[in-house]
Amino acid sequence: MTAILLLLLKACVGLIIFAIGLDSTADDALFLVRRPGLLLRSLLAMYVLVPLAALALVGWMDLAPGVELGLLVLAASAGAPLLPRKLLRIGDGAYTFSLVLLSSLLAIVVVPAWLALLGPFFRTPLELSAGDVAWLLAKSFLLPLAVGMALRRAAPGFAARWATRLIGLAGMVLTACALLLLALHWDVLIVANYGGVFALMALVALALAAGHLMGGPGADDRTALAVACASRHLGVAVLVAASLPGPRTAAILAVYIVASAVVTLPYLRWRRRVSAAASV
């Protein structure tokens, strides 16, 4: 059952990315390339500050091994394929799409490097080759994205009508799968205890803070980068978790999905109010 739920999680990520393609153009991808300062701050926040925050939490807290591994997986799994769902009605869609695309492509190099660097700190050396990550991103990110963008060109009316609906549907199924995974492995919560859940929530909060501070003067850019930092690449995280013995780390990822929603939703409500007030 755990394997089926992990497959469903991957499928939901793929469907969301397909829907992103329905709502994006090739020109959107160049948004960050044309803004090198924002690009540098975005990458620094996502790929450096968030992993360092995970290291700090592990050094400060006495955590169960499964929680430590979960933090390792999440810290290393940079990328933001689920970002657009969380930023509906906020910010520049071009920045969001460009951030999703560039961060996922960079994951090919950065994820294996961070796993190699962080593994000894977590007493669990892990190896994931750039080829494994590249293959994962090719079939679960680039392919559905390209299909969605091609369909947008061929049937713009269909794309406009279904992009947001598909993102919402896949997001609901993703949350349901996370809750079922938790129900199947409820004992993980006992092992993790309050400290483990707090550590996951703290990682999300620190990631939000890092992105918000590094997003620059633009209010919407701050919001997008904050949520990008908190939204780790679940496709990569599931790939790493599946390579670990036992279901505990996969279940910790489910705890993260729930913890991420609990911490991120109040932040998004606040940022939506700020965005609405600025547009008046």
Foldseek 3Di string as FASTA:
>chain_A
DLVVLLVLLLVLLLLLLLLLLLVDAPVLLCPCVVVVLLVVLLCCLQQPQLLVLLLVLVVVDDFFLLLNVLSLLQNLQAAFSLLVLLQVPFDDSSVLVNRRVVRLVCSLPRSQVSLQVCCVSSVHRDGDHSVNSVVLCVVRRVVSSVNSNVVCVVPVPVSVVCSNVSSVVSVVSSLVSLVVLCVVPVVLCVRRDPSSLVSLLVSLVSSLVSLLVSQPDDLRSSRSSSVSNNRGDSSSSSVRCVVDPDCNSVNSVSSSVVSNCVNVVVVSVVSSVVVVVVVD
